[in-house]
Amino acid sequence: MNARWAVLVAFYLVLGLLGAWYLSGTTSPGADLATYQRAGDALLTTGNPYSANAGVPEDYVYRYPPLLAMIIPVLGWPPLWFTLIGLATIVPIVVGYRVSGPAGLLPVALLVGAWGQQLINGNAQAFVVALLAIVPLTRGAGAIGLAVATMLKIHPLLAIVWYAGRQEWRLLGIYAVAMAVLTLVQLPWIPDMIEFYLADPVATETIPGMSLRVLGVVPWIIGTAAVGVAAFVFARTRYGWLLATLFQLVALPRVLMVNLALLLAAPLPPRAAQGSTERPRPAPSTTPG
């Protein structure tokens, strides 16, 4: 990295640190892990991970599929959980540099508050971002990872528009099979999840000012559909995965600043790598001799 890039990254980092300062008031070390732990305890004691939401402040309601509550009794020991969160946080940073070079560090610096908060709070979004980041770089493993991400936060489901736009039907099939297996594993608690989402308005309540939904349901649907169509049409371009990620972000009814860390999963590849997320390689010479 030359001096100009170092200065630019430093400038972005200053902006990112200002964002982190802004988020400091809503950062609560370990709070999200505690939410998962309550859901895990409720699953083991009552058979319903959503029963732990009674009397809990809105910001600490368990809003996810049962999978997190199922695995947290095993992985939720704080030293282990935060180690895993830290490793997951590194993944999109490494991928960003691999795909985009020094330019890949700019969003990392700018969004230090977003990914820093998910790290400190112990939010599972770090795993979602890591899994999304490797989808364009892998094949079948990426499709399975996308299914796992879907079962952690639901919204990665929308990323299948990238496979559809690229006509990657085999990978879409692998994703579907992985989803079926994960759904079967969670089947005893799926009815509880459906009841929670249908009966409790807190499940999808809008955060004012952070989602298109605050403008009304119609603008939210139209805006989300527009980004989804763009993600499908331009799936084969260098902007394809970024648009698929934006599609997820725009569709969220509850958008927090920490959710902006999703953008780390979609670094732009060089212009020469149209239709691919791999860094360009020198073409073989066609000159005789």
Protein backbone atom coordinates (compact mmCIF):
# COMPACT_ATOMS: atom_id res chain seq x y z
CA MET A 1 0.00 0.00 0.00
CA ASN A 2 1.50 3.35 -1.04
CA ALA A 3 1.38 6.60 0.92
CA ARG A 4 -1.68 7.94 -0.91
CA TRP A 5 -3.71 4.88 -0.05
CA ALA A 6 -2.54 5.05 3.55
CA VAL A 7 -3.72 8.66 3.82
CA LEU A 8 -7.07 7.79 2.23
CA VAL A 9 -7.61 4.83 4.55
CA ALA A 10 -6.69 7.05 7.52
CA PHE A 11 -9.25 9.65 6.40
CA TYR A 12 -11.94 6.99 6.11
CA LEU A 13 -10.91 5.64 9.50
CA VAL A 14 -11.41 9.06 11.09
CA LEU A 15 -14.93 9.14 9.65
CA GLY A 16 -15.46 5.58 10.87
CA LEU A 17 -14.32 6.44 14.37
CA LEU A 18 -16.77 9.34 14.42
CA GLY A 19 -19.45 6.80 13.54
CA ALA A 20 -18.22 4.54 16.33
CA TRP A 21 -18.45 7.44 18.77
CA TYR A 22 -22.02 8.05 17.59
CA LEU A 23 -22.86 4.37 18.20
CA SER A 24 -21.16 4.24 21.59
CA GLY A 25 -24.37 5.16 23.37
CA THR A 26 -26.14 2.11 21.98
CA THR A 27 -23.22 -0.28 22.39
CA SER A 28 -23.66 -2.73 25.24
CA PRO A 29 -20.90 -5.35 25.66
CA GLY A 30 -22.30 -8.85 25.47
CA ALA A 31 -25.94 -7.73 25.26
CA ASP A 32 -26.74 -9.67 22.09
CA LEU A 33 -25.05 -12.79 23.40
CA ALA A 34 -27.21 -12.50 26.51
CA THR A 35 -30.30 -12.38 24.25
CA TYR A 36 -29.26 -15.61 22.54
CA GLN A 37 -28.48 -17.23 25.87
CA ARG A 38 -31.94 -16.38 27.23
CA ALA A 39 -33.50 -17.93 24.12
CA GLY A 40 -31.31 -21.01 24.48
CA ASP A 41 -32.28 -21.42 28.12
CA ALA A 42 -35.97 -20.99 27.22
CA LEU A 43 -35.68 -23.62 24.50
CA LEU A 44 -34.23 -26.11 26.97
CA THR A 45 -36.65 -25.35 29.80
CA THR A 46 -39.95 -24.50 28.07
CA GLY A 47 -39.41 -25.84 24.54
CA ASN A 48 -40.06 -22.39 23.07
CA PRO A 49 -37.10 -20.03 22.52
CA TYR A 50 -39.46 -17.08 22.03
CA SER A 51 -41.00 -17.45 25.49
CA ALA A 52 -37.94 -15.64 26.87
CA ASN A 53 -39.13 -12.40 25.21
CA ALA A 54 -41.77 -11.72 27.84
CA GLY A 55 -40.91 -8.55 29.74
CA VAL A 56 -37.65 -8.02 27.84
CA PRO A 57 -36.86 -4.53 26.45
CA GLU A 58 -37.52 -4.23 22.71
CA ASP A 59 -33.84 -4.04 21.77
CA TYR A 60 -33.16 -7.41 23.40
CA VAL A 61 -36.01 -9.46 21.95
CA TYR A 62 -35.00 -12.72 20.25
CA ARG A 63 -36.13 -12.26 16.61
CA TYR A 64 -34.27 -15.04 14.84
CA PRO A 65 -34.91 -18.60 13.66
CA PRO A 66 -34.49 -21.30 16.33
CA LEU A 67 -31.00 -22.25 15.10
CA LEU A 68 -29.19 -19.68 17.25
CA ALA A 69 -31.06 -20.79 20.36
CA MET A 70 -30.19 -24.40 19.53
CA ILE A 71 -26.44 -23.86 19.19
CA ILE A 72 -25.91 -21.24 21.87
CA PRO A 73 -25.84 -23.72 24.80
CA VAL A 74 -22.77 -25.24 23.11
CA LEU A 75 -21.08 -22.16 21.65
CA GLY A 76 -22.35 -19.48 24.02
CA TRP A 77 -19.52 -19.64 26.58
CA PRO A 78 -18.36 -16.00 26.33
CA PRO A 79 -14.62 -16.60 25.70
CA LEU A 80 -15.46 -19.06 22.93
CA TRP A 81 -18.27 -16.97 21.44
CA PHE A 82 -16.26 -13.76 21.28
CA THR A 83 -13.29 -15.61 19.81
CA LEU A 84 -15.55 -16.94 17.06
CA ILE A 85 -17.08 -13.50 16.54
CA GLY A 86 -13.60 -12.00 16.23
CA LEU A 87 -12.51 -14.58 13.66
CA ALA A 88 -15.72 -14.03 11.70
CA THR A 89 -15.11 -10.27 11.74
CA ILE A 90 -11.69 -10.77 10.15
CA VAL A 91 -13.10 -12.78 7.22
CA PRO A 92 -14.76 -9.92 5.25
CA ILE A 93 -11.72 -7.71 5.88
CA VAL A 94 -9.42 -10.32 4.32
CA VAL A 95 -11.88 -10.94 1.47
CA GLY A 96 -12.19 -7.20 0.80
CA TYR A 97 -8.44 -6.81 0.47
CA ARG A 98 -8.15 -9.95 -1.66
CA VAL A 99 -10.89 -8.86 -4.05
CA SER A 100 -10.31 -5.10 -4.24
CA GLY A 101 -6.77 -4.55 -2.98
CA PRO A 102 -6.22 -1.41 -0.84
CA ALA A 103 -9.63 -0.08 -1.93
CA GLY A 104 -11.19 -2.97 -0.02
CA LEU A 105 -9.95 -1.43 3.23
CA LEU A 106 -11.90 1.80 2.72
CA PRO A 107 -15.33 0.42 3.66
CA VAL A 108 -13.69 -1.47 6.54
CA ALA A 109 -12.36 1.82 7.90
CA LEU A 110 -15.58 3.73 7.22
CA LEU A 111 -17.76 1.10 8.90
CA VAL A 112 -15.54 0.45 11.90
CA GLY A 113 -18.39 1.55 14.16
CA ALA A 114 -20.84 -0.89 12.59
CA TRP A 115 -18.63 -3.98 12.66
CA GLY A 116 -17.08 -2.89 15.95
CA GLN A 117 -20.47 -2.74 17.62
CA GLN A 118 -21.48 -6.20 16.42
CA LEU A 119 -18.16 -7.51 17.75
CA ILE A 120 -18.51 -5.87 21.15
CA ASN A 121 -22.17 -6.75 21.57
CA GLY A 122 -21.57 -10.34 20.48
CA ASN A 123 -24.04 -10.10 17.61
CA ALA A 124 -24.36 -13.09 15.27
CA GLN A 125 -24.38 -10.70 12.33
CA ALA A 126 -20.61 -11.14 12.24
CA PHE A 127 -21.14 -14.74 11.13
CA VAL A 128 -23.73 -13.66 8.56
CA VAL A 129 -21.37 -11.08 7.05
CA ALA A 130 -18.52 -13.61 6.96
CA LEU A 131 -20.69 -16.22 5.24
CA LEU A 132 -22.03 -13.70 2.72
CA ALA A 133 -18.50 -12.48 1.98
CA ILE A 134 -17.33 -15.91 0.82
CA VAL A 135 -20.40 -16.78 -1.29
CA PRO A 136 -19.04 -15.19 -4.52
CA LEU A 137 -15.64 -16.81 -3.97
CA THR A 138 -16.89 -20.35 -3.55
CA ARG A 139 -19.33 -22.70 -5.25
CA GLY A 140 -21.27 -25.40 -3.40
CA ALA A 141 -19.74 -24.46 -0.06
CA GLY A 142 -20.89 -20.88 -0.59
CA ALA A 143 -24.46 -22.02 -1.29
CA ILE A 144 -24.47 -24.04 1.94
CA GLY A 145 -22.99 -21.07 3.80
CA LEU A 146 -25.75 -18.86 2.41
CA ALA A 147 -28.33 -21.32 3.79
CA VAL A 148 -26.70 -21.19 7.23
CA ALA A 149 -26.68 -17.37 7.06
CA THR A 150 -30.38 -17.45 6.16
CA MET A 151 -31.12 -19.53 9.23
CA LEU A 152 -29.25 -17.06 11.41
CA LYS A 153 -30.85 -13.81 10.21
CA ILE A 154 -33.46 -14.70 7.51
CA HIS A 155 -32.67 -11.77 5.16
CA PRO A 156 -29.83 -13.61 3.32
CA LEU A 157 -32.66 -15.54 1.64
CA LEU A 158 -32.97 -12.59 -0.73
CA ALA A 159 -29.42 -13.12 -1.97
CA ILE A 160 -30.64 -16.05 -4.08
CA VAL A 161 -31.51 -13.39 -6.67
CA TRP A 162 -27.77 -13.42 -7.45
CA TYR A 163 -27.85 -17.11 -8.31
CA ALA A 164 -31.04 -16.67 -10.32
CA GLY A 165 -29.67 -13.72 -12.29
CA ARG A 166 -26.53 -15.67 -13.11
CA GLN A 167 -28.58 -18.81 -13.91
CA GLU A 168 -26.60 -20.79 -11.37
CA TRP A 169 -29.33 -23.39 -11.03
CA ARG A 170 -27.09 -26.11 -9.59
CA LEU A 171 -25.93 -23.83 -6.79
CA LEU A 172 -29.49 -22.69 -6.20
CA GLY A 173 -30.41 -26.36 -5.87
CA ILE A 174 -27.64 -26.93 -3.33
CA TYR A 175 -28.94 -23.94 -1.37
CA ALA A 176 -32.47 -25.36 -1.45
CA VAL A 177 -31.31 -28.76 -0.20
CA ALA A 178 -29.27 -27.15 2.61
CA MET A 179 -32.28 -25.04 3.58
CA ALA A 180 -34.48 -28.13 3.65
CA VAL A 181 -32.04 -29.95 5.94
CA LEU A 182 -31.70 -26.98 8.29
CA THR A 183 -35.47 -26.51 8.37
CA LEU A 184 -35.91 -30.18 9.25
CA VAL A 185 -33.42 -29.82 12.10
CA GLN A 186 -35.41 -26.85 13.48
CA LEU A 187 -38.84 -28.27 12.66
CA PRO A 188 -40.08 -28.71 16.27
CA TRP A 189 -39.71 -24.95 16.86
CA ILE A 190 -40.72 -23.56 13.46
CA PRO A 191 -44.40 -23.19 14.52
CA ASP A 192 -43.25 -21.11 17.51
CA MET A 193 -41.24 -18.86 15.18
CA ILE A 194 -44.19 -18.39 12.83
CA GLU A 195 -46.50 -17.58 15.73
CA PHE A 196 -43.98 -15.05 17.07
CA TYR A 197 -43.68 -13.24 13.74
CA LEU A 198 -47.44 -13.19 13.18
CA ALA A 199 -48.54 -12.34 16.69
CA ASP A 200 -45.87 -10.01 18.07
CA PRO A 201 -45.49 -6.62 16.29
CA VAL A 202 -42.08 -6.14 17.94
CA ALA A 203 -40.75 -8.88 15.65
CA THR A 204 -40.66 -6.57 12.63
CA GLU A 205 -41.22 -3.13 14.12
CA THR A 206 -39.67 -0.32 12.12
CA ILE A 207 -36.87 1.79 13.53
CA PRO A 208 -37.72 5.44 12.61
CA GLY A 209 -35.38 7.02 10.09
CA MET A 210 -33.42 3.90 9.20
CA SER A 211 -35.72 2.03 6.82
CA LEU A 212 -37.74 2.83 3.72
CA ARG A 213 -40.67 1.41 5.64
CA VAL A 214 -40.90 4.61 7.69
CA LEU A 215 -42.12 6.29 4.47
CA GLY A 216 -44.94 3.78 4.25
CA VAL A 217 -45.44 0.21 3.16
CA VAL A 218 -45.86 1.11 -0.53
CA PRO A 219 -42.56 3.06 -0.88
CA TRP A 220 -40.82 0.27 1.05
CA ILE A 221 -42.17 -2.43 -1.28
CA ILE A 222 -41.47 -0.42 -4.43
CA GLY A 223 -37.94 0.51 -3.34
CA THR A 224 -37.13 -3.05 -2.30
CA ALA A 225 -38.53 -4.46 -5.55
CA ALA A 226 -36.50 -1.96 -7.61
CA VAL A 227 -33.25 -2.98 -5.94
CA GLY A 228 -34.19 -6.64 -6.29
CA VAL A 229 -34.80 -6.27 -10.01
CA ALA A 230 -31.51 -4.42 -10.42
CA ALA A 231 -29.73 -7.19 -8.51
CA PHE A 232 -31.23 -9.78 -10.89
CA VAL A 233 -30.53 -7.85 -14.10
CA PHE A 234 -26.94 -6.93 -13.20
CA ALA A 235 -26.07 -10.17 -11.41
CA ARG A 236 -23.31 -11.00 -13.90
CA THR A 237 -21.58 -7.63 -13.55
CA ARG A 238 -19.09 -6.49 -10.96
CA TYR A 239 -21.99 -4.83 -9.14
CA GLY A 240 -24.06 -8.01 -8.90
CA TRP A 241 -23.18 -9.15 -5.40
CA LEU A 242 -23.21 -5.60 -4.06
CA LEU A 243 -26.76 -5.14 -5.38
CA ALA A 244 -27.79 -8.49 -3.88
CA THR A 245 -26.46 -7.28 -0.54
CA LEU A 246 -28.19 -3.90 -0.87
CA PHE A 247 -31.37 -5.79 -1.67
CA GLN A 248 -31.18 -7.43 1.75
CA LEU A 249 -30.41 -4.14 3.48
CA VAL A 250 -33.24 -2.20 1.83
CA ALA A 251 -35.73 -4.99 2.55
CA LEU A 252 -35.13 -4.93 6.30
CA PRO A 253 -38.06 -3.42 8.20
CA ARG A 254 -35.72 -2.81 11.13
CA VAL A 255 -32.52 -1.14 9.92
CA LEU A 256 -29.94 -0.26 12.56
CA MET A 257 -26.59 1.37 11.85
CA VAL A 258 -24.91 -1.89 12.82
CA ASN A 259 -26.66 -3.50 9.83
CA LEU A 260 -24.49 -1.38 7.53
CA ALA A 261 -21.71 -3.87 8.26
CA LEU A 262 -23.47 -6.07 5.68
CA LEU A 263 -21.81 -3.92 3.01
CA LEU A 264 -18.45 -5.42 3.98
CA ALA A 265 -19.65 -8.66 2.40
CA ALA A 266 -19.69 -7.10 -1.07
CA PRO A 267 -16.36 -5.54 -2.08
CA LEU A 268 -16.25 -4.44 -5.70
CA PRO A 269 -13.84 -6.45 -7.85
CA PRO A 270 -11.60 -4.62 -10.36
CA ARG A 271 -13.27 -3.41 -13.55
CA ALA A 272 -11.32 -5.92 -15.59
CA ALA A 273 -13.05 -8.73 -13.71
CA GLN A 274 -16.55 -8.13 -15.10
CA GLY A 275 -18.85 -11.03 -14.19
CA SER A 276 -16.37 -12.44 -11.69
CA THR A 277 -15.43 -11.66 -8.13
CA GLU A 278 -11.91 -13.03 -8.53
CA ARG A 279 -8.99 -10.71 -9.01
CA PRO A 280 -7.85 -10.58 -12.65
CA ARG A 281 -5.04 -12.81 -13.84
CA PRO A 282 -2.69 -12.05 -16.73
CA ALA A 283 -3.97 -13.49 -20.00
CA PRO A 284 -1.71 -16.01 -21.74
CA SER A 285 0.25 -14.64 -24.69
CA THR A 286 -1.15 -15.38 -28.16
CA THR A 287 1.99 -14.21 -29.99
CA PRO A 288 3.85 -17.07 -31.75
CA GLY A 289 7.26 -17.82 -30.32
